[in-house]
Amino acid sequence: MWVKICGFKDLELAEIAVKAGVDAIGLNFYAKSSRFITPANAEIISKALKSRVLTVGLFVNHSTDEVSEIITQCELSAAQFHGDESPEFLSDIQNRFPDLKIIKAYRMKGNDLSPLKVYLDQCKQLNFELFACLVDAFSDKQYGGTGKTVQWSALREEYSSSDWPPLILAGGLNLNNVSEAIEQAKPWGIDLASGVESAPGIKNADLIKDLMNQFQ
C-alpha cells in the first residue's frame, strides 16, 4: 500500500515518517489551512528528504507562476491540486516540469463521480496523464483535511480503476478505520492528515509509527 502523510511543518516529524516507511510527505501551501507551511520552511524539509521520499506540494487555486516558483524553490517531486484547477492548468504545469508527478484531488459528494469522469476525459484530450487521483470527502467549508470520510463501497463501485489514474483514498482515515477503508474502497494508495495528529496541524510521531506498523 502506497502511503502519504500530508501537512508536515517541521523536519523532525517528517524524518520520523520517512524512517517509518511512508512513500510520500505532503507540504501544504494553502494559507488558510492549519497545516500551512511557508515555502522557506518547506524548502528545508523537501531538500533534506527528496532523495528518500516523494515530496508533494499541496496547492489550492494558486497561480501558475506561484506554483512554478514553489516547485523550483523547494525542488518538489510532486504537486497535488485541491482547488478548481482546470485540466489545461495542470497540463501547463506538466509542460513546465516534465518530470513532476501531478495528483488531482476530487471531493466526493455522495456517490457521484460524474464530474471526475468529465475532468479525466478532458485530461485525455490534452494527452495529459495524472500520476494519481485523490478522492476526499466533500465539504463546502474547506478543501480537504476535514476528517470526514467518503462512502468507501460506493467509491469502489464507481471508480473506473482500469481506465482512470491510480486511486488515492483520503478523508477521515485513522488507525481505527484505515483497514476497513482499504478493504472496501480497494485504493492504490492512502493519504492521511488529521488521522495522525494530536491536534489540528500537529503531527503525532507515535500515531505515524503505529499506522506504518500496519503495513510492515
N, C-alpha and C. Protein backbone atom coordinates (compact mmCIF):
# COMPACT_ATOMS: atom_id res chain seq x y z
N MET A 1 0.84 -1.20 0.00
CA MET A 1 0.00 0.00 0.00
C MET A 1 0.87 1.25 0.00
N TRP A 2 0.64 2.12 -0.99
CA TRP A 2 1.34 3.40 -1.07
C TRP A 2 0.74 4.33 -0.02
N VAL A 3 1.60 4.94 0.82
CA VAL A 3 1.11 5.76 1.92
C VAL A 3 1.72 7.16 1.87
N LYS A 4 0.84 8.15 1.93
CA LYS A 4 1.27 9.55 2.02
C LYS A 4 0.67 10.16 3.28
N ILE A 5 1.50 10.92 3.97
CA ILE A 5 1.01 11.69 5.11
C ILE A 5 1.20 13.16 4.76
N CYS A 6 0.15 13.92 4.92
CA CYS A 6 0.14 15.31 4.46
C CYS A 6 0.12 16.30 5.62
N GLY A 7 0.80 17.42 5.41
CA GLY A 7 0.70 18.52 6.35
C GLY A 7 1.84 18.63 7.35
N PHE A 8 3.05 18.23 6.95
CA PHE A 8 4.19 18.38 7.85
C PHE A 8 4.63 19.84 7.89
N LYS A 9 5.08 20.23 9.09
CA LYS A 9 5.56 21.60 9.26
C LYS A 9 6.95 21.67 9.86
N ASP A 10 7.52 20.51 10.22
CA ASP A 10 8.89 20.52 10.74
C ASP A 10 9.62 19.27 10.28
N LEU A 11 10.93 19.39 10.16
CA LEU A 11 11.76 18.33 9.60
C LEU A 11 11.81 17.11 10.51
N GLU A 12 11.82 17.32 11.81
CA GLU A 12 11.96 16.20 12.74
C GLU A 12 10.85 15.17 12.57
N LEU A 13 9.61 15.63 12.52
CA LEU A 13 8.49 14.71 12.37
C LEU A 13 8.44 14.10 10.97
N ALA A 14 8.82 14.88 9.98
CA ALA A 14 8.88 14.33 8.63
C ALA A 14 9.93 13.23 8.54
N GLU A 15 11.06 13.41 9.21
CA GLU A 15 12.10 12.39 9.27
C GLU A 15 11.57 11.10 9.91
N ILE A 16 10.81 11.25 10.98
CA ILE A 16 10.22 10.09 11.65
C ILE A 16 9.31 9.33 10.71
N ALA A 17 8.52 10.07 9.94
CA ALA A 17 7.60 9.43 8.99
C ALA A 17 8.37 8.67 7.92
N VAL A 18 9.43 9.27 7.41
CA VAL A 18 10.22 8.62 6.37
C VAL A 18 10.87 7.36 6.92
N LYS A 19 11.42 7.44 8.11
CA LYS A 19 12.04 6.26 8.73
C LYS A 19 11.01 5.16 8.99
N ALA A 20 9.76 5.56 9.24
CA ALA A 20 8.69 4.59 9.48
C ALA A 20 8.24 3.91 8.21
N GLY A 21 8.59 4.51 7.05
CA GLY A 21 8.30 3.84 5.79
C GLY A 21 7.28 4.48 4.89
N VAL A 22 6.89 5.74 5.12
CA VAL A 22 5.93 6.39 4.23
C VAL A 22 6.54 6.57 2.85
N ASP A 23 5.68 6.60 1.85
CA ASP A 23 6.14 6.78 0.47
C ASP A 23 6.19 8.24 0.06
N ALA A 24 5.39 9.07 0.72
CA ALA A 24 5.31 10.48 0.33
C ALA A 24 4.95 11.34 1.53
N ILE A 25 5.48 12.56 1.55
CA ILE A 25 5.10 13.53 2.57
C ILE A 25 4.51 14.75 1.87
N GLY A 26 3.47 15.32 2.47
CA GLY A 26 2.81 16.47 1.88
C GLY A 26 3.16 17.75 2.59
N LEU A 27 3.39 18.79 1.80
CA LEU A 27 3.70 20.13 2.30
C LEU A 27 2.61 21.08 1.81
N ASN A 28 1.86 21.63 2.74
CA ASN A 28 0.63 22.34 2.41
C ASN A 28 0.88 23.85 2.28
N PHE A 29 0.68 24.36 1.06
CA PHE A 29 0.92 25.78 0.79
C PHE A 29 -0.37 26.60 0.75
N TYR A 30 -1.46 26.03 1.24
CA TYR A 30 -2.74 26.75 1.28
C TYR A 30 -2.79 27.57 2.56
N ALA A 31 -2.76 28.87 2.44
CA ALA A 31 -2.57 29.76 3.58
C ALA A 31 -3.66 29.65 4.64
N LYS A 32 -4.87 29.23 4.26
CA LYS A 32 -5.97 29.16 5.21
C LYS A 32 -6.00 27.85 5.98
N SER A 33 -5.09 26.95 5.69
CA SER A 33 -5.06 25.65 6.36
C SER A 33 -4.26 25.71 7.66
N SER A 34 -4.68 24.90 8.63
CA SER A 34 -3.92 24.79 9.88
C SER A 34 -2.58 24.10 9.64
N ARG A 35 -2.44 23.47 8.48
CA ARG A 35 -1.20 22.76 8.13
C ARG A 35 -0.31 23.57 7.17
N PHE A 36 -0.61 24.84 7.03
CA PHE A 36 0.15 25.70 6.11
C PHE A 36 1.62 25.76 6.50
N ILE A 37 2.47 25.71 5.49
CA ILE A 37 3.90 25.88 5.68
C ILE A 37 4.41 26.89 4.67
N THR A 38 5.34 27.72 5.08
CA THR A 38 5.92 28.69 4.16
C THR A 38 6.86 27.98 3.20
N PRO A 39 7.01 28.52 2.01
CA PRO A 39 7.97 27.92 1.07
C PRO A 39 9.37 27.80 1.65
N ALA A 40 9.79 28.77 2.45
CA ALA A 40 11.13 28.73 3.04
C ALA A 40 11.30 27.53 3.96
N ASN A 41 10.31 27.28 4.80
CA ASN A 41 10.39 26.13 5.70
C ASN A 41 10.21 24.82 4.95
N ALA A 42 9.34 24.84 3.95
CA ALA A 42 9.13 23.63 3.14
C ALA A 42 10.41 23.27 2.39
N GLU A 43 11.14 24.27 1.97
CA GLU A 43 12.39 24.03 1.24
C GLU A 43 13.36 23.21 2.09
N ILE A 44 13.44 23.52 3.37
CA ILE A 44 14.34 22.80 4.27
C ILE A 44 13.96 21.32 4.33
N ILE A 45 12.65 21.05 4.49
CA ILE A 45 12.18 19.67 4.59
C ILE A 45 12.36 18.92 3.28
N SER A 46 11.93 19.55 2.21
CA SER A 46 11.96 18.88 0.91
C SER A 46 13.37 18.54 0.46
N LYS A 47 14.28 19.49 0.60
CA LYS A 47 15.65 19.24 0.15
C LYS A 47 16.36 18.21 1.02
N ALA A 48 15.97 18.13 2.29
CA ALA A 48 16.59 17.15 3.18
C ALA A 48 16.12 15.72 2.89
N LEU A 49 14.90 15.60 2.37
CA LEU A 49 14.29 14.27 2.26
C LEU A 49 14.04 13.80 0.83
N LYS A 50 14.23 14.66 -0.15
CA LYS A 50 13.76 14.35 -1.51
C LYS A 50 14.41 13.12 -2.12
N SER A 51 15.60 12.75 -1.66
CA SER A 51 16.25 11.56 -2.21
C SER A 51 15.70 10.27 -1.61
N ARG A 52 14.87 10.40 -0.55
CA ARG A 52 14.37 9.22 0.17
C ARG A 52 12.87 9.04 0.09
N VAL A 53 12.16 10.07 -0.33
CA VAL A 53 10.70 10.01 -0.30
C VAL A 53 10.15 10.99 -1.34
N LEU A 54 8.91 10.77 -1.76
CA LEU A 54 8.26 11.71 -2.68
C LEU A 54 7.83 12.94 -1.88
N THR A 55 8.31 14.10 -2.28
CA THR A 55 7.92 15.34 -1.62
C THR A 55 6.83 16.02 -2.45
N VAL A 56 5.67 16.20 -1.85
CA VAL A 56 4.48 16.64 -2.57
C VAL A 56 4.02 18.00 -2.06
N GLY A 57 3.94 18.96 -2.95
CA GLY A 57 3.40 20.25 -2.59
C GLY A 57 1.90 20.29 -2.81
N LEU A 58 1.16 20.79 -1.83
CA LEU A 58 -0.30 20.88 -1.95
C LEU A 58 -0.70 22.32 -2.25
N PHE A 59 -1.48 22.48 -3.33
CA PHE A 59 -1.87 23.81 -3.78
C PHE A 59 -3.39 23.91 -3.92
N VAL A 60 -3.91 25.11 -3.65
CA VAL A 60 -5.34 25.38 -3.79
C VAL A 60 -5.52 26.71 -4.51
N ASN A 61 -5.84 26.63 -5.79
CA ASN A 61 -6.13 27.82 -6.59
C ASN A 61 -4.98 28.84 -6.59
N HIS A 62 -3.76 28.35 -6.53
CA HIS A 62 -2.61 29.22 -6.73
C HIS A 62 -2.48 29.54 -8.21
N SER A 63 -1.75 30.60 -8.52
CA SER A 63 -1.49 30.92 -9.92
C SER A 63 -0.40 30.00 -10.46
N THR A 64 -0.32 29.94 -11.78
CA THR A 64 0.72 29.12 -12.41
C THR A 64 2.11 29.56 -11.96
N ASP A 65 2.32 30.86 -11.90
CA ASP A 65 3.63 31.36 -11.50
C ASP A 65 3.94 31.03 -10.05
N GLU A 66 2.94 31.13 -9.17
CA GLU A 66 3.16 30.79 -7.76
C GLU A 66 3.55 29.33 -7.61
N VAL A 67 2.82 28.46 -8.30
CA VAL A 67 3.12 27.04 -8.24
C VAL A 67 4.53 26.77 -8.77
N SER A 68 4.84 27.37 -9.89
CA SER A 68 6.15 27.15 -10.52
C SER A 68 7.29 27.61 -9.61
N GLU A 69 7.11 28.76 -8.98
CA GLU A 69 8.15 29.29 -8.10
C GLU A 69 8.38 28.38 -6.90
N ILE A 70 7.30 27.86 -6.32
CA ILE A 70 7.44 27.00 -5.14
C ILE A 70 8.04 25.64 -5.51
N ILE A 71 7.60 25.09 -6.64
CA ILE A 71 8.18 23.82 -7.10
C ILE A 71 9.68 23.96 -7.29
N THR A 72 10.08 25.05 -7.92
CA THR A 72 11.50 25.29 -8.18
C THR A 72 12.28 25.52 -6.90
N GLN A 73 11.77 26.38 -6.03
CA GLN A 73 12.45 26.71 -4.79
C GLN A 73 12.63 25.48 -3.90
N CYS A 74 11.56 24.68 -3.77
CA CYS A 74 11.57 23.55 -2.86
C CYS A 74 12.05 22.25 -3.51
N GLU A 75 12.26 22.30 -4.82
CA GLU A 75 12.69 21.12 -5.57
C GLU A 75 11.74 19.94 -5.30
N LEU A 76 10.44 20.21 -5.45
CA LEU A 76 9.41 19.20 -5.19
C LEU A 76 9.42 18.13 -6.27
N SER A 77 9.06 16.92 -5.87
CA SER A 77 8.97 15.83 -6.83
C SER A 77 7.54 15.59 -7.29
N ALA A 78 6.57 16.20 -6.60
CA ALA A 78 5.16 16.04 -6.98
C ALA A 78 4.37 17.26 -6.54
N ALA A 79 3.22 17.46 -7.19
CA ALA A 79 2.31 18.55 -6.82
C ALA A 79 0.89 18.00 -6.78
N GLN A 80 0.16 18.40 -5.75
CA GLN A 80 -1.22 17.92 -5.54
C GLN A 80 -2.13 19.14 -5.53
N PHE A 81 -3.17 19.10 -6.36
CA PHE A 81 -4.04 20.26 -6.55
C PHE A 81 -5.43 19.98 -6.00
N HIS A 82 -5.87 20.82 -5.06
CA HIS A 82 -7.15 20.62 -4.37
C HIS A 82 -8.20 21.66 -4.72
N GLY A 83 -7.87 22.58 -5.59
CA GLY A 83 -8.80 23.66 -5.90
C GLY A 83 -9.59 23.42 -7.17
N ASP A 84 -9.83 24.51 -7.89
CA ASP A 84 -10.63 24.46 -9.11
C ASP A 84 -9.75 24.49 -10.36
N GLU A 85 -8.56 23.96 -10.24
CA GLU A 85 -7.61 23.98 -11.36
C GLU A 85 -8.16 23.16 -12.53
N SER A 86 -8.08 23.74 -13.71
CA SER A 86 -8.58 23.08 -14.92
C SER A 86 -7.56 22.07 -15.44
N PRO A 87 -7.99 21.15 -16.30
CA PRO A 87 -7.03 20.26 -16.95
C PRO A 87 -5.96 21.04 -17.71
N GLU A 88 -6.35 22.15 -18.33
CA GLU A 88 -5.38 22.98 -19.06
C GLU A 88 -4.32 23.55 -18.12
N PHE A 89 -4.74 23.93 -16.94
CA PHE A 89 -3.81 24.46 -15.93
C PHE A 89 -2.78 23.39 -15.56
N LEU A 90 -3.26 22.18 -15.27
CA LEU A 90 -2.35 21.11 -14.87
C LEU A 90 -1.44 20.71 -16.02
N SER A 91 -1.98 20.70 -17.23
CA SER A 91 -1.18 20.38 -18.40
C SER A 91 -0.05 21.40 -18.57
N ASP A 92 -0.35 22.66 -18.30
CA ASP A 92 0.66 23.71 -18.39
C ASP A 92 1.78 23.47 -17.37
N ILE A 93 1.39 23.12 -16.15
CA ILE A 93 2.39 22.83 -15.12
C ILE A 93 3.24 21.63 -15.53
N GLN A 94 2.62 20.61 -16.10
CA GLN A 94 3.36 19.44 -16.54
C GLN A 94 4.35 19.79 -17.65
N ASN A 95 3.95 20.66 -18.54
CA ASN A 95 4.84 21.09 -19.62
C ASN A 95 6.04 21.86 -19.08
N ARG A 96 5.81 22.62 -18.00
CA ARG A 96 6.91 23.37 -17.39
C ARG A 96 7.86 22.43 -16.63
N PHE A 97 7.28 21.36 -16.05
CA PHE A 97 8.07 20.43 -15.23
C PHE A 97 7.76 19.01 -15.67
N PRO A 98 8.37 18.55 -16.76
CA PRO A 98 8.04 17.25 -17.35
C PRO A 98 8.19 16.06 -16.39
N ASP A 99 9.10 16.16 -15.42
CA ASP A 99 9.32 15.03 -14.51
C ASP A 99 8.45 15.09 -13.26
N LEU A 100 7.67 16.15 -13.13
CA LEU A 100 6.83 16.33 -11.94
C LEU A 100 5.66 15.35 -11.96
N LYS A 101 5.40 14.72 -10.83
CA LYS A 101 4.22 13.86 -10.68
C LYS A 101 3.06 14.72 -10.21
N ILE A 102 1.93 14.67 -10.92
CA ILE A 102 0.79 15.53 -10.61
C ILE A 102 -0.39 14.71 -10.12
N ILE A 103 -0.92 15.12 -8.98
CA ILE A 103 -2.08 14.49 -8.36
C ILE A 103 -3.22 15.50 -8.33
N LYS A 104 -4.40 15.09 -8.77
CA LYS A 104 -5.59 15.97 -8.68
C LYS A 104 -6.55 15.41 -7.66
N ALA A 105 -6.99 16.27 -6.76
CA ALA A 105 -7.94 15.86 -5.74
C ALA A 105 -9.38 16.11 -6.21
N TYR A 106 -10.26 15.18 -5.85
CA TYR A 106 -11.68 15.32 -6.15
C TYR A 106 -12.45 15.12 -4.84
N ARG A 107 -13.30 16.08 -4.53
CA ARG A 107 -14.09 15.99 -3.29
C ARG A 107 -15.43 15.30 -3.60
N MET A 108 -15.55 14.09 -3.14
CA MET A 108 -16.68 13.24 -3.48
C MET A 108 -17.92 13.59 -2.64
N LYS A 109 -19.02 13.83 -3.34
CA LYS A 109 -20.28 14.17 -2.69
C LYS A 109 -21.26 13.03 -2.95
N GLY A 110 -21.62 12.30 -1.90
CA GLY A 110 -22.45 11.11 -2.08
C GLY A 110 -21.66 10.05 -2.83
N ASN A 111 -22.24 9.52 -3.90
CA ASN A 111 -21.51 8.55 -4.71
C ASN A 111 -21.33 9.04 -6.15
N ASP A 112 -21.35 10.36 -6.31
CA ASP A 112 -21.31 10.94 -7.66
C ASP A 112 -19.87 11.21 -8.11
N LEU A 113 -19.43 10.48 -9.11
CA LEU A 113 -18.11 10.70 -9.69
C LEU A 113 -18.20 11.22 -11.13
N SER A 114 -19.39 11.60 -11.56
CA SER A 114 -19.55 12.06 -12.94
C SER A 114 -18.72 13.30 -13.26
N PRO A 115 -18.59 14.28 -12.35
CA PRO A 115 -17.71 15.41 -12.67
C PRO A 115 -16.25 14.98 -12.82
N LEU A 116 -15.85 13.99 -12.05
CA LEU A 116 -14.49 13.49 -12.17
C LEU A 116 -14.27 12.83 -13.52
N LYS A 117 -15.25 12.08 -13.99
CA LYS A 117 -15.14 11.44 -15.30
C LYS A 117 -14.95 12.48 -16.39
N VAL A 118 -15.72 13.54 -16.34
CA VAL A 118 -15.61 14.61 -17.33
C VAL A 118 -14.21 15.22 -17.28
N TYR A 119 -13.73 15.45 -16.08
CA TYR A 119 -12.42 16.06 -15.89
C TYR A 119 -11.32 15.18 -16.48
N LEU A 120 -11.39 13.89 -16.17
CA LEU A 120 -10.36 12.96 -16.67
C LEU A 120 -10.44 12.80 -18.18
N ASP A 121 -11.63 12.85 -18.72
CA ASP A 121 -11.78 12.81 -20.18
C ASP A 121 -11.11 14.02 -20.83
N GLN A 122 -11.24 15.17 -20.20
CA GLN A 122 -10.61 16.38 -20.72
C GLN A 122 -9.09 16.27 -20.65
N CYS A 123 -8.58 15.64 -19.59
CA CYS A 123 -7.14 15.41 -19.48
C CYS A 123 -6.65 14.54 -20.64
N LYS A 124 -7.42 13.50 -20.96
CA LYS A 124 -7.04 12.62 -22.06
C LYS A 124 -7.00 13.37 -23.39
N GLN A 125 -7.96 14.27 -23.59
CA GLN A 125 -7.99 15.04 -24.82
C GLN A 125 -6.77 15.94 -24.96
N LEU A 126 -6.17 16.29 -23.83
CA LEU A 126 -4.97 17.12 -23.84
C LEU A 126 -3.69 16.27 -23.87
N ASN A 127 -3.89 14.94 -23.96
CA ASN A 127 -2.77 14.00 -23.90
C ASN A 127 -1.95 14.19 -22.62
N PHE A 128 -2.69 14.45 -21.55
CA PHE A 128 -2.08 14.70 -20.25
C PHE A 128 -2.54 13.62 -19.27
N GLU A 129 -1.61 13.00 -18.59
CA GLU A 129 -1.95 11.89 -17.70
C GLU A 129 -1.54 12.21 -16.27
N LEU A 130 -2.48 12.10 -15.36
CA LEU A 130 -2.20 12.32 -13.94
C LEU A 130 -1.39 11.16 -13.37
N PHE A 131 -0.54 11.46 -12.40
CA PHE A 131 0.16 10.42 -11.65
C PHE A 131 -0.84 9.61 -10.83
N ALA A 132 -1.81 10.32 -10.25
CA ALA A 132 -2.85 9.67 -9.43
C ALA A 132 -4.00 10.64 -9.23
N CYS A 133 -5.13 10.09 -8.81
CA CYS A 133 -6.30 10.90 -8.47
C CYS A 133 -6.63 10.64 -7.00
N LEU A 134 -6.71 11.70 -6.23
CA LEU A 134 -7.01 11.59 -4.80
C LEU A 134 -8.48 11.93 -4.58
N VAL A 135 -9.20 11.03 -3.94
CA VAL A 135 -10.61 11.26 -3.65
C VAL A 135 -10.78 11.51 -2.16
N ASP A 136 -11.32 12.67 -1.85
CA ASP A 136 -11.52 13.13 -0.47
C ASP A 136 -13.01 13.38 -0.26
N ALA A 137 -13.39 13.59 0.98
CA ALA A 137 -14.79 13.88 1.29
C ALA A 137 -15.12 15.33 0.96
N PHE A 138 -16.33 15.55 0.47
CA PHE A 138 -16.76 16.90 0.12
C PHE A 138 -17.05 17.73 1.36
N SER A 139 -16.63 18.96 1.29
CA SER A 139 -17.00 19.94 2.31
C SER A 139 -17.13 21.28 1.62
N ASP A 140 -18.17 22.03 1.98
CA ASP A 140 -18.32 23.36 1.38
C ASP A 140 -17.58 24.43 2.19
N LYS A 141 -16.84 23.99 3.23
CA LYS A 141 -16.15 24.94 4.09
C LYS A 141 -14.63 24.91 3.92
N GLN A 142 -14.09 23.76 3.50
CA GLN A 142 -12.65 23.71 3.33
C GLN A 142 -12.25 22.67 2.30
N TYR A 143 -11.03 22.82 1.78
CA TYR A 143 -10.52 21.95 0.73
C TYR A 143 -9.70 20.81 1.35
N GLY A 144 -10.39 19.78 1.83
CA GLY A 144 -9.69 18.63 2.38
C GLY A 144 -9.28 18.82 3.83
N GLY A 145 -8.79 17.72 4.44
CA GLY A 145 -8.35 17.77 5.82
C GLY A 145 -9.47 17.96 6.81
N THR A 146 -10.68 17.57 6.43
CA THR A 146 -11.85 17.80 7.29
C THR A 146 -12.06 16.71 8.33
N GLY A 147 -11.48 15.54 8.10
CA GLY A 147 -11.73 14.40 8.97
C GLY A 147 -12.98 13.64 8.59
N LYS A 148 -13.66 14.07 7.53
CA LYS A 148 -14.85 13.36 7.05
C LYS A 148 -14.44 12.23 6.11
N THR A 149 -15.21 11.14 6.14
CA THR A 149 -14.92 10.01 5.26
C THR A 149 -15.84 10.01 4.05
N VAL A 150 -15.37 9.35 2.98
CA VAL A 150 -16.21 9.16 1.81
C VAL A 150 -16.94 7.83 1.96
N GLN A 151 -17.89 7.56 1.06
CA GLN A 151 -18.58 6.27 1.06
C GLN A 151 -17.68 5.26 0.34
N TRP A 152 -16.94 4.50 1.12
CA TRP A 152 -15.89 3.65 0.56
C TRP A 152 -16.41 2.63 -0.45
N SER A 153 -17.49 1.95 -0.12
CA SER A 153 -18.01 0.93 -1.03
C SER A 153 -18.52 1.56 -2.32
N ALA A 154 -19.15 2.73 -2.21
CA ALA A 154 -19.64 3.43 -3.40
C ALA A 154 -18.47 3.87 -4.27
N LEU A 155 -17.40 4.31 -3.63
CA LEU A 155 -16.22 4.73 -4.38
C LEU A 155 -15.65 3.55 -5.17
N ARG A 156 -15.59 2.42 -4.53
CA ARG A 156 -15.07 1.22 -5.22
C ARG A 156 -15.91 0.87 -6.44
N GLU A 157 -17.22 1.00 -6.31
CA GLU A 157 -18.12 0.66 -7.41
C GLU A 157 -18.04 1.68 -8.54
N GLU A 158 -17.88 2.93 -8.20
CA GLU A 158 -17.96 4.00 -9.20
C GLU A 158 -16.61 4.34 -9.84
N TYR A 159 -15.52 4.04 -9.16
CA TYR A 159 -14.21 4.43 -9.68
C TYR A 159 -13.73 3.41 -10.71
N SER A 160 -13.45 3.88 -11.90
CA SER A 160 -13.06 3.01 -13.00
C SER A 160 -11.54 2.79 -12.97
N SER A 161 -11.11 1.86 -12.13
CA SER A 161 -9.68 1.67 -11.89
C SER A 161 -8.91 1.26 -13.14
N SER A 162 -9.57 0.57 -14.07
CA SER A 162 -8.88 0.10 -15.26
C SER A 162 -8.60 1.24 -16.26
N ASP A 163 -9.40 2.31 -16.20
CA ASP A 163 -9.27 3.40 -17.17
C ASP A 163 -8.75 4.70 -16.58
N TRP A 164 -8.89 4.86 -15.28
CA TRP A 164 -8.54 6.12 -14.63
C TRP A 164 -7.19 6.01 -13.93
N PRO A 165 -6.63 7.13 -13.49
CA PRO A 165 -5.34 7.09 -12.78
C PRO A 165 -5.45 6.30 -11.48
N PRO A 166 -4.33 5.86 -10.93
CA PRO A 166 -4.35 5.17 -9.63
C PRO A 166 -5.12 5.98 -8.59
N LEU A 167 -5.90 5.29 -7.79
CA LEU A 167 -6.75 5.94 -6.79
C LEU A 167 -6.04 6.06 -5.45
N ILE A 168 -5.98 7.29 -4.94
CA ILE A 168 -5.51 7.54 -3.58
C ILE A 168 -6.73 7.90 -2.74
N LEU A 169 -6.96 7.14 -1.69
CA LEU A 169 -8.09 7.38 -0.81
C LEU A 169 -7.70 8.30 0.33
N ALA A 170 -8.49 9.35 0.54
CA ALA A 170 -8.28 10.29 1.64
C ALA A 170 -9.61 10.54 2.33
N GLY A 171 -9.58 11.35 3.36
CA GLY A 171 -10.82 11.73 4.02
C GLY A 171 -11.10 10.95 5.29
N GLY A 172 -10.70 11.49 6.43
CA GLY A 172 -11.06 10.92 7.71
C GLY A 172 -10.41 9.59 8.05
N LEU A 173 -9.33 9.24 7.40
CA LEU A 173 -8.68 7.97 7.69
C LEU A 173 -7.87 8.07 8.98
N ASN A 174 -7.93 7.01 9.79
CA ASN A 174 -7.15 6.97 11.02
C ASN A 174 -6.83 5.52 11.36
N LEU A 175 -6.15 5.29 12.47
CA LEU A 175 -5.73 3.94 12.81
C LEU A 175 -6.90 2.99 13.02
N ASN A 176 -8.05 3.53 13.42
CA ASN A 176 -9.20 2.69 13.73
C ASN A 176 -9.98 2.26 12.50
N ASN A 177 -9.89 3.03 11.41
CA ASN A 177 -10.74 2.70 10.26
C ASN A 177 -9.99 2.43 8.97
N VAL A 178 -8.66 2.60 8.98
CA VAL A 178 -7.93 2.52 7.72
C VAL A 178 -7.98 1.13 7.09
N SER A 179 -7.96 0.08 7.91
CA SER A 179 -8.02 -1.28 7.35
C SER A 179 -9.36 -1.53 6.67
N GLU A 180 -10.44 -1.10 7.31
CA GLU A 180 -11.77 -1.27 6.72
C GLU A 180 -11.90 -0.43 5.45
N ALA A 181 -11.36 0.79 5.48
CA ALA A 181 -11.43 1.67 4.31
C ALA A 181 -10.72 1.04 3.12
N ILE A 182 -9.55 0.47 3.36
CA ILE A 182 -8.80 -0.17 2.28
C ILE A 182 -9.55 -1.39 1.75
N GLU A 183 -10.12 -2.16 2.64
CA GLU A 183 -10.85 -3.37 2.24
C GLU A 183 -12.06 -3.01 1.37
N GLN A 184 -12.76 -1.94 1.72
CA GLN A 184 -13.97 -1.57 0.99
C GLN A 184 -13.69 -0.80 -0.29
N ALA A 185 -12.76 0.13 -0.24
CA ALA A 185 -12.53 1.01 -1.40
C ALA A 185 -11.51 0.45 -2.38
N LYS A 186 -10.62 -0.43 -1.92
CA LYS A 186 -9.57 -1.02 -2.76
C LYS A 186 -8.72 0.04 -3.47
N PRO A 187 -8.19 1.01 -2.74
CA PRO A 187 -7.39 2.04 -3.39
C PRO A 187 -5.97 1.55 -3.69
N TRP A 188 -5.29 2.28 -4.55
CA TRP A 188 -3.87 2.03 -4.80
C TRP A 188 -3.03 2.60 -3.66
N GLY A 189 -3.50 3.74 -3.12
CA GLY A 189 -2.77 4.39 -2.04
C GLY A 189 -3.71 5.08 -1.07
N ILE A 190 -3.16 5.53 0.05
CA ILE A 190 -3.95 6.26 1.04
C ILE A 190 -3.21 7.54 1.43
N ASP A 191 -3.98 8.51 1.91
CA ASP A 191 -3.42 9.81 2.30
C ASP A 191 -4.07 10.21 3.62
N LEU A 192 -3.26 10.44 4.63
CA LEU A 192 -3.76 10.83 5.95
C LEU A 192 -3.22 12.19 6.36
N ALA A 193 -4.03 12.91 7.11
CA ALA A 193 -3.59 14.18 7.69
C ALA A 193 -4.06 14.23 9.15
N SER A 194 -5.34 14.49 9.36
CA SER A 194 -5.86 14.62 10.73
C SER A 194 -5.78 13.31 11.50
N GLY A 195 -5.77 12.17 10.80
CA GLY A 195 -5.77 10.86 11.46
C GLY A 195 -4.49 10.51 12.17
N VAL A 196 -3.43 11.27 11.94
CA VAL A 196 -2.17 11.04 12.66
C VAL A 196 -1.72 12.33 13.34
N GLU A 197 -2.70 13.07 13.85
CA GLU A 197 -2.41 14.32 14.56
C GLU A 197 -2.94 14.28 15.98
N SER A 198 -2.23 14.93 16.88
CA SER A 198 -2.70 15.08 18.26
C SER A 198 -3.55 16.33 18.42
N ALA A 199 -3.44 17.25 17.46
CA ALA A 199 -4.26 18.47 17.40
C ALA A 199 -4.20 18.94 15.96
N PRO A 200 -5.14 19.80 15.53
CA PRO A 200 -5.11 20.25 14.14
C PRO A 200 -3.76 20.83 13.73
N GLY A 201 -3.15 20.20 12.73
CA GLY A 201 -1.87 20.68 12.24
C GLY A 201 -0.66 20.19 13.01
N ILE A 202 -0.87 19.39 14.05
CA ILE A 202 0.25 18.91 14.89
C ILE A 202 0.36 17.40 14.74
N LYS A 203 1.37 16.95 13.99
CA LYS A 203 1.56 15.52 13.76
C LYS A 203 2.02 14.82 15.05
N ASN A 204 1.62 13.54 15.18
CA ASN A 204 1.94 12.75 16.36
C ASN A 204 2.84 11.60 15.93
N ALA A 205 4.06 11.56 16.42
CA ALA A 205 5.04 10.56 16.00
C ALA A 205 4.57 9.14 16.29
N ASP A 206 3.95 8.92 17.45
CA ASP A 206 3.50 7.58 17.81
C ASP A 206 2.40 7.09 16.87
N LEU A 207 1.48 7.98 16.52
CA LEU A 207 0.40 7.60 15.60
C LEU A 207 0.95 7.27 14.22
N ILE A 208 1.94 8.03 13.78
CA ILE A 208 2.57 7.76 12.49
C ILE A 208 3.22 6.37 12.49
N LYS A 209 3.97 6.07 13.55
CA LYS A 209 4.65 4.78 13.65
C LYS A 209 3.64 3.64 13.73
N ASP A 210 2.57 3.83 14.51
CA ASP A 210 1.55 2.79 14.64
C ASP A 210 0.85 2.54 13.31
N LEU A 211 0.61 3.61 12.57
CA LEU A 211 0.00 3.46 11.24
C LEU A 211 0.88 2.61 10.34
N MET A 212 2.14 2.97 10.24
CA MET A 212 3.04 2.28 9.33
C MET A 212 3.32 0.85 9.76
N ASN A 213 3.21 0.56 11.04
CA ASN A 213 3.39 -0.81 11.51
C ASN A 213 2.33 -1.74 10.92
N GLN A 214 1.20 -1.18 10.53
CA GLN A 214 0.13 -2.00 9.94
C GLN A 214 0.51 -2.48 8.53
N PHE A 215 1.50 -1.84 7.92
CA PHE A 215 1.85 -2.18 6.55
C PHE A 215 3.23 -2.84 6.44
N GLN A 216 3.79 -3.23 7.58
CA GLN A 216 5.10 -3.89 7.56
C GLN A 216 4.94 -5.39 7.22
